Amino acid sequence: MGFQTRRKKQETEKKLKLEALLKEVEEINIAILQMAPGKSPRMDGLPQEFYSKFQHKLTTLLLAHYSEVFLTGAFSTFSNTASIILLPKKDKDPLICGSKRPLSILNCDIKILSKVLANRLVSLIKAQNAQK
């Protein structure tokens, strides 16, 4: 097998690992534990603390929801909605529009899935660095 063929096969394997369906609640449990508490809830009104407290009941539901997202390739309109707020930049005149920066605030269920994917990406990067 040539270098290019081997490299393409490795890239395909990495992509499959990253995009694989969630099959275990463990990835979700880890992501919930890694989330920082004390963040404002968004449109769904559910803060991170809610997910932590009821983690044992929610992970199966989240697994089903995320599996549907992976299979359809789309989030529900509600899940895919963000609140955008403007934060003032340090040492800038707050009355000038350019002195603010936008911040998108997402529902926690999307943050949890993002964390699961980020964890997968980190493990792939670590594995690749270990091969070097």
N, C-alpha and C. Protein backbone atom coordinates (compact mmCIF):
# COMPACT_ATOMS: atom_id res chain seq x y z
N MET A 1 0.85 -1.17 0.00
CA MET A 1 0.00 0.00 0.00
C MET A 1 0.90 1.24 0.00
N GLY A 2 0.65 2.15 -0.92
CA GLY A 2 1.47 3.35 -1.04
C GLY A 2 1.17 4.36 0.05
N PHE A 3 2.05 5.34 0.16
CA PHE A 3 1.92 6.38 1.19
C PHE A 3 0.59 7.12 1.08
N GLN A 4 0.24 7.55 -0.13
CA GLN A 4 -1.00 8.31 -0.33
C GLN A 4 -2.23 7.48 0.03
N THR A 5 -2.22 6.21 -0.34
CA THR A 5 -3.35 5.33 -0.04
C THR A 5 -3.47 5.12 1.46
N ARG A 6 -2.34 4.90 2.13
CA ARG A 6 -2.34 4.70 3.58
C ARG A 6 -2.83 5.95 4.29
N ARG A 7 -2.37 7.12 3.82
CA ARG A 7 -2.77 8.39 4.43
C ARG A 7 -4.27 8.62 4.26
N LYS A 8 -4.78 8.34 3.07
CA LYS A 8 -6.20 8.53 2.80
C LYS A 8 -7.04 7.60 3.69
N LYS A 9 -6.56 6.36 3.88
CA LYS A 9 -7.26 5.40 4.74
C LYS A 9 -7.28 5.90 6.18
N GLN A 10 -6.16 6.45 6.67
CA GLN A 10 -6.09 6.99 8.02
C GLN A 10 -7.05 8.16 8.19
N GLU A 11 -7.10 9.04 7.19
CA GLU A 11 -8.00 10.19 7.25
C GLU A 11 -9.45 9.73 7.30
N THR A 12 -9.79 8.72 6.53
CA THR A 12 -11.16 8.18 6.52
C THR A 12 -11.50 7.59 7.87
N GLU A 13 -10.56 6.85 8.48
CA GLU A 13 -10.79 6.25 9.79
C GLU A 13 -11.01 7.33 10.85
N LYS A 14 -10.22 8.40 10.80
CA LYS A 14 -10.38 9.51 11.76
C LYS A 14 -11.74 10.16 11.60
N LYS A 15 -12.15 10.39 10.37
CA LYS A 15 -13.44 11.01 10.10
C LYS A 15 -14.57 10.14 10.64
N LEU A 16 -14.47 8.83 10.44
CA LEU A 16 -15.50 7.91 10.92
C LEU A 16 -15.58 7.92 12.45
N LYS A 17 -14.43 7.98 13.13
CA LYS A 17 -14.42 8.03 14.59
C LYS A 17 -15.07 9.31 15.09
N LEU A 18 -14.77 10.42 14.44
CA LEU A 18 -15.31 11.71 14.86
C LEU A 18 -16.81 11.78 14.63
N GLU A 19 -17.27 11.23 13.52
CA GLU A 19 -18.68 11.34 13.15
C GLU A 19 -19.51 10.13 13.56
N ALA A 20 -18.92 9.19 14.27
CA ALA A 20 -19.64 7.97 14.66
C ALA A 20 -20.84 8.31 15.54
N LEU A 21 -21.88 7.52 15.38
CA LEU A 21 -23.06 7.69 16.23
C LEU A 21 -22.67 7.50 17.69
N LEU A 22 -23.33 8.24 18.55
CA LEU A 22 -23.15 8.02 19.98
C LEU A 22 -23.85 6.71 20.32
N LYS A 23 -23.12 5.80 20.94
CA LYS A 23 -23.70 4.51 21.29
C LYS A 23 -23.72 4.30 22.80
N GLU A 24 -22.93 5.07 23.50
CA GLU A 24 -22.82 4.91 24.94
C GLU A 24 -23.12 6.25 25.62
N VAL A 25 -23.76 6.17 26.77
CA VAL A 25 -24.05 7.40 27.51
C VAL A 25 -22.78 7.95 28.17
N GLU A 26 -21.72 7.16 28.21
CA GLU A 26 -20.49 7.58 28.89
C GLU A 26 -19.93 8.87 28.31
N GLU A 27 -19.94 9.01 26.99
CA GLU A 27 -19.43 10.24 26.37
C GLU A 27 -20.24 11.45 26.83
N ILE A 28 -21.54 11.25 26.97
CA ILE A 28 -22.42 12.34 27.42
C ILE A 28 -22.15 12.64 28.89
N ASN A 29 -22.01 11.61 29.71
CA ASN A 29 -21.71 11.81 31.14
C ASN A 29 -20.43 12.61 31.33
N ILE A 30 -19.40 12.26 30.59
CA ILE A 30 -18.11 12.97 30.70
C ILE A 30 -18.28 14.43 30.30
N ALA A 31 -19.01 14.67 29.21
CA ALA A 31 -19.21 16.05 28.75
C ALA A 31 -19.97 16.88 29.78
N ILE A 32 -20.98 16.29 30.41
CA ILE A 32 -21.75 17.02 31.43
C ILE A 32 -20.86 17.36 32.61
N LEU A 33 -20.03 16.41 33.03
CA LEU A 33 -19.13 16.66 34.16
C LEU A 33 -18.09 17.74 33.85
N GLN A 34 -17.72 17.89 32.59
CA GLN A 34 -16.71 18.87 32.20
C GLN A 34 -17.27 20.28 32.03
N MET A 35 -18.58 20.42 31.99
CA MET A 35 -19.17 21.74 31.76
C MET A 35 -19.06 22.61 33.01
N ALA A 36 -18.81 23.89 32.80
CA ALA A 36 -18.67 24.82 33.91
C ALA A 36 -20.05 25.23 34.44
N PRO A 37 -20.24 25.15 35.76
CA PRO A 37 -21.52 25.57 36.34
C PRO A 37 -21.61 27.10 36.41
N GLY A 38 -22.81 27.57 36.69
CA GLY A 38 -23.00 29.00 36.90
C GLY A 38 -23.24 29.81 35.65
N LYS A 39 -23.51 29.14 34.54
CA LYS A 39 -23.80 29.85 33.29
C LYS A 39 -25.30 30.11 33.22
N SER A 40 -25.66 31.15 32.51
CA SER A 40 -27.07 31.51 32.37
C SER A 40 -27.80 30.51 31.48
N PRO A 41 -29.02 30.12 31.89
CA PRO A 41 -29.80 29.28 30.99
C PRO A 41 -30.32 30.11 29.83
N ARG A 42 -30.55 29.49 28.74
CA ARG A 42 -31.06 30.21 27.56
C ARG A 42 -32.53 29.91 27.36
N MET A 43 -32.95 29.88 26.12
CA MET A 43 -34.37 29.79 25.80
C MET A 43 -35.06 28.60 26.45
N ASP A 44 -34.36 27.49 26.61
CA ASP A 44 -34.99 26.33 27.24
C ASP A 44 -35.07 26.48 28.75
N GLY A 45 -34.35 27.45 29.32
CA GLY A 45 -34.41 27.71 30.75
C GLY A 45 -33.69 26.68 31.61
N LEU A 46 -32.95 25.77 31.00
CA LEU A 46 -32.28 24.71 31.75
C LEU A 46 -30.79 24.98 31.87
N PRO A 47 -30.32 25.30 33.08
CA PRO A 47 -28.89 25.55 33.26
C PRO A 47 -28.10 24.25 33.34
N GLN A 48 -26.80 24.37 33.33
CA GLN A 48 -25.91 23.21 33.42
C GLN A 48 -26.19 22.42 34.68
N GLU A 49 -26.49 23.10 35.77
CA GLU A 49 -26.75 22.42 37.05
C GLU A 49 -27.91 21.43 36.94
N PHE A 50 -28.92 21.76 36.14
CA PHE A 50 -30.05 20.84 35.92
C PHE A 50 -29.56 19.54 35.29
N TYR A 51 -28.72 19.68 34.28
CA TYR A 51 -28.19 18.49 33.60
C TYR A 51 -27.31 17.67 34.53
N SER A 52 -26.56 18.34 35.40
CA SER A 52 -25.71 17.62 36.36
C SER A 52 -26.55 16.88 37.39
N LYS A 53 -27.57 17.56 37.92
CA LYS A 53 -28.39 16.96 38.97
C LYS A 53 -29.19 15.75 38.46
N PHE A 54 -29.72 15.85 37.25
CA PHE A 54 -30.56 14.79 36.71
C PHE A 54 -29.86 14.00 35.60
N GLN A 55 -28.56 13.99 35.67
CA GLN A 55 -27.73 13.34 34.66
C GLN A 55 -28.13 11.88 34.44
N HIS A 56 -28.36 11.15 35.52
CA HIS A 56 -28.69 9.73 35.42
C HIS A 56 -30.00 9.48 34.67
N LYS A 57 -30.92 10.46 34.67
CA LYS A 57 -32.19 10.31 33.96
C LYS A 57 -32.13 10.90 32.55
N LEU A 58 -31.28 11.89 32.35
CA LEU A 58 -31.26 12.63 31.09
C LEU A 58 -30.36 12.02 30.01
N THR A 59 -29.33 11.30 30.42
CA THR A 59 -28.35 10.84 29.42
C THR A 59 -28.97 9.92 28.36
N THR A 60 -29.90 9.07 28.75
CA THR A 60 -30.55 8.19 27.78
C THR A 60 -31.37 9.00 26.79
N LEU A 61 -32.08 10.02 27.29
CA LEU A 61 -32.87 10.90 26.41
C LEU A 61 -31.96 11.69 25.48
N LEU A 62 -30.87 12.20 26.02
CA LEU A 62 -29.92 12.94 25.20
C LEU A 62 -29.29 12.04 24.13
N LEU A 63 -28.99 10.81 24.51
CA LEU A 63 -28.42 9.86 23.55
C LEU A 63 -29.38 9.64 22.37
N ALA A 64 -30.66 9.49 22.67
CA ALA A 64 -31.66 9.31 21.60
C ALA A 64 -31.75 10.56 20.73
N HIS A 65 -31.75 11.72 21.37
CA HIS A 65 -31.83 13.00 20.64
C HIS A 65 -30.61 13.18 19.73
N TYR A 66 -29.42 12.96 20.28
CA TYR A 66 -28.20 13.13 19.50
C TYR A 66 -28.10 12.11 18.37
N SER A 67 -28.58 10.89 18.61
CA SER A 67 -28.57 9.88 17.55
C SER A 67 -29.45 10.32 16.39
N GLU A 68 -30.60 10.91 16.71
CA GLU A 68 -31.49 11.42 15.65
C GLU A 68 -30.81 12.56 14.88
N VAL A 69 -30.11 13.42 15.61
CA VAL A 69 -29.39 14.52 14.96
C VAL A 69 -28.32 13.97 14.02
N PHE A 70 -27.58 12.97 14.46
CA PHE A 70 -26.53 12.37 13.63
C PHE A 70 -27.13 11.70 12.39
N LEU A 71 -28.26 11.03 12.55
CA LEU A 71 -28.88 10.32 11.43
C LEU A 71 -29.51 11.27 10.41
N THR A 72 -30.17 12.32 10.89
CA THR A 72 -30.84 13.25 9.99
C THR A 72 -29.92 14.35 9.49
N GLY A 73 -28.88 14.62 10.27
CA GLY A 73 -27.96 15.70 9.89
C GLY A 73 -28.50 17.07 10.21
N ALA A 74 -29.54 17.14 11.04
CA ALA A 74 -30.14 18.45 11.34
C ALA A 74 -30.63 18.50 12.79
N PHE A 75 -30.51 19.69 13.37
CA PHE A 75 -31.07 19.96 14.69
C PHE A 75 -32.49 20.47 14.52
N SER A 76 -33.28 20.36 15.57
CA SER A 76 -34.59 21.01 15.54
C SER A 76 -34.37 22.52 15.54
N THR A 77 -35.35 23.25 15.07
CA THR A 77 -35.23 24.71 15.02
C THR A 77 -34.98 25.27 16.42
N PHE A 78 -35.66 24.71 17.42
CA PHE A 78 -35.49 25.19 18.79
C PHE A 78 -34.07 24.96 19.29
N SER A 79 -33.54 23.78 19.05
CA SER A 79 -32.18 23.47 19.50
C SER A 79 -31.14 24.32 18.78
N ASN A 80 -31.45 24.69 17.56
CA ASN A 80 -30.49 25.41 16.73
C ASN A 80 -30.61 26.93 16.87
N THR A 81 -31.24 27.38 17.94
CA THR A 81 -31.45 28.81 18.16
C THR A 81 -30.49 29.31 19.23
N ALA A 82 -29.95 30.48 19.02
CA ALA A 82 -29.03 31.09 19.99
C ALA A 82 -29.52 32.48 20.36
N SER A 83 -29.20 32.89 21.57
CA SER A 83 -29.41 34.28 21.97
C SER A 83 -28.11 35.01 21.74
N ILE A 84 -28.19 36.17 21.13
CA ILE A 84 -26.98 36.95 20.88
C ILE A 84 -27.04 38.21 21.72
N ILE A 85 -26.00 38.40 22.52
CA ILE A 85 -25.90 39.61 23.34
C ILE A 85 -24.62 40.34 22.96
N LEU A 86 -24.60 41.62 23.26
CA LEU A 86 -23.40 42.43 22.99
C LEU A 86 -22.69 42.72 24.30
N LEU A 87 -21.41 42.43 24.34
CA LEU A 87 -20.59 42.70 25.51
C LEU A 87 -19.65 43.86 25.20
N PRO A 88 -19.51 44.78 26.15
CA PRO A 88 -18.57 45.89 25.90
C PRO A 88 -17.13 45.41 25.94
N LYS A 89 -16.32 45.97 25.05
CA LYS A 89 -14.89 45.67 25.05
C LYS A 89 -14.23 46.49 26.15
N LYS A 90 -13.16 45.94 26.72
CA LYS A 90 -12.43 46.64 27.79
C LYS A 90 -11.86 47.95 27.29
N ASP A 91 -11.93 48.95 28.13
CA ASP A 91 -11.32 50.26 27.86
C ASP A 91 -11.80 50.89 26.56
N LYS A 92 -13.04 50.64 26.18
CA LYS A 92 -13.62 51.24 24.98
C LYS A 92 -14.87 52.02 25.37
N ASP A 93 -15.21 53.02 24.57
CA ASP A 93 -16.40 53.82 24.81
C ASP A 93 -17.64 52.96 24.56
N PRO A 94 -18.47 52.73 25.60
CA PRO A 94 -19.62 51.85 25.44
C PRO A 94 -20.71 52.43 24.53
N LEU A 95 -20.62 53.70 24.21
CA LEU A 95 -21.62 54.32 23.34
C LEU A 95 -21.34 54.09 21.86
N ILE A 96 -20.15 53.63 21.53
CA ILE A 96 -19.78 53.38 20.14
C ILE A 96 -20.05 51.91 19.83
N CYS A 97 -20.76 51.68 18.72
CA CYS A 97 -21.15 50.31 18.34
C CYS A 97 -19.94 49.38 18.19
N GLY A 98 -18.85 49.87 17.64
CA GLY A 98 -17.65 49.07 17.44
C GLY A 98 -16.95 48.70 18.73
N SER A 99 -17.43 49.23 19.85
CA SER A 99 -16.84 48.94 21.15
C SER A 99 -17.49 47.74 21.82
N LYS A 100 -18.29 47.02 21.08
CA LYS A 100 -18.97 45.85 21.64
C LYS A 100 -18.65 44.63 20.78
N ARG A 101 -18.71 43.48 21.43
CA ARG A 101 -18.49 42.23 20.70
C ARG A 101 -19.69 41.31 20.93
N PRO A 102 -20.09 40.59 19.89
CA PRO A 102 -21.25 39.70 20.04
C PRO A 102 -20.87 38.39 20.74
N LEU A 103 -21.82 37.86 21.49
CA LEU A 103 -21.65 36.57 22.14
C LEU A 103 -22.92 35.77 21.92
N SER A 104 -22.79 34.60 21.34
CA SER A 104 -23.95 33.72 21.11
C SER A 104 -24.06 32.76 22.28
N ILE A 105 -25.25 32.69 22.85
CA ILE A 105 -25.49 31.81 23.99
C ILE A 105 -26.42 30.70 23.53
N LEU A 106 -25.96 29.46 23.69
CA LEU A 106 -26.69 28.29 23.21
C LEU A 106 -27.34 27.54 24.36
N ASN A 107 -28.33 26.72 24.03
CA ASN A 107 -28.93 25.84 25.02
C ASN A 107 -27.90 24.79 25.45
N CYS A 108 -28.05 24.29 26.66
CA CYS A 108 -27.08 23.34 27.22
C CYS A 108 -27.01 22.03 26.44
N ASP A 109 -28.13 21.58 25.86
CA ASP A 109 -28.07 20.31 25.13
C ASP A 109 -27.13 20.41 23.93
N ILE A 110 -27.07 21.57 23.30
CA ILE A 110 -26.14 21.78 22.19
C ILE A 110 -24.71 21.88 22.72
N LYS A 111 -24.55 22.53 23.87
CA LYS A 111 -23.21 22.64 24.46
C LYS A 111 -22.67 21.26 24.83
N ILE A 112 -23.53 20.39 25.32
CA ILE A 112 -23.11 19.04 25.70
C ILE A 112 -22.64 18.28 24.46
N LEU A 113 -23.42 18.34 23.39
CA LEU A 113 -23.02 17.65 22.16
C LEU A 113 -21.72 18.24 21.61
N SER A 114 -21.58 19.55 21.68
CA SER A 114 -20.34 20.20 21.23
C SER A 114 -19.15 19.70 22.04
N LYS A 115 -19.35 19.51 23.34
CA LYS A 115 -18.28 19.02 24.21
C LYS A 115 -17.93 17.57 23.87
N VAL A 116 -18.93 16.76 23.57
CA VAL A 116 -18.68 15.37 23.16
C VAL A 116 -17.80 15.34 21.92
N LEU A 117 -18.17 16.17 20.93
CA LEU A 117 -17.39 16.21 19.68
C LEU A 117 -16.00 16.77 19.91
N ALA A 118 -15.89 17.78 20.78
CA ALA A 118 -14.57 18.34 21.11
C ALA A 118 -13.69 17.29 21.78
N ASN A 119 -14.27 16.50 22.68
CA ASN A 119 -13.51 15.43 23.34
C ASN A 119 -13.03 14.39 22.33
N ARG A 120 -13.88 14.06 21.36
CA ARG A 120 -13.47 13.12 20.32
C ARG A 120 -12.30 13.68 19.51
N LEU A 121 -12.40 14.95 19.19
CA LEU A 121 -11.35 15.60 18.41
C LEU A 121 -10.03 15.62 19.17
N VAL A 122 -10.10 15.93 20.47
CA VAL A 122 -8.90 15.95 21.30
C VAL A 122 -8.25 14.57 21.34
N SER A 123 -9.06 13.52 21.47
CA SER A 123 -8.47 12.17 21.52
C SER A 123 -7.82 11.81 20.19
N LEU A 124 -8.40 12.24 19.07
CA LEU A 124 -7.78 11.98 17.77
C LEU A 124 -6.47 12.74 17.61
N ILE A 125 -6.45 13.98 18.07
CA ILE A 125 -5.22 14.79 17.99
C ILE A 125 -4.12 14.18 18.86
N LYS A 126 -4.49 13.75 20.07
CA LYS A 126 -3.49 13.12 20.96
C LYS A 126 -2.95 11.84 20.34
N ALA A 127 -3.82 11.04 19.74
CA ALA A 127 -3.38 9.80 19.10
C ALA A 127 -2.45 10.09 17.93
N GLN A 128 -2.76 11.12 17.17
CA GLN A 128 -1.91 11.48 16.04
C GLN A 128 -0.55 11.98 16.52
N ASN A 129 -0.54 12.79 17.57
CA ASN A 129 0.72 13.29 18.12
C ASN A 129 1.56 12.17 18.71
N ALA A 130 0.91 11.16 19.26
CA ALA A 130 1.64 10.02 19.84
C ALA A 130 2.32 9.19 18.75
N GLN A 131 1.77 9.22 17.55
CA GLN A 131 2.35 8.46 16.44
C GLN A 131 3.61 9.12 15.90
N LYS A 132 3.76 10.40 16.14
CA LYS A 132 4.92 11.13 15.58
C LYS A 132 6.17 10.88 16.35
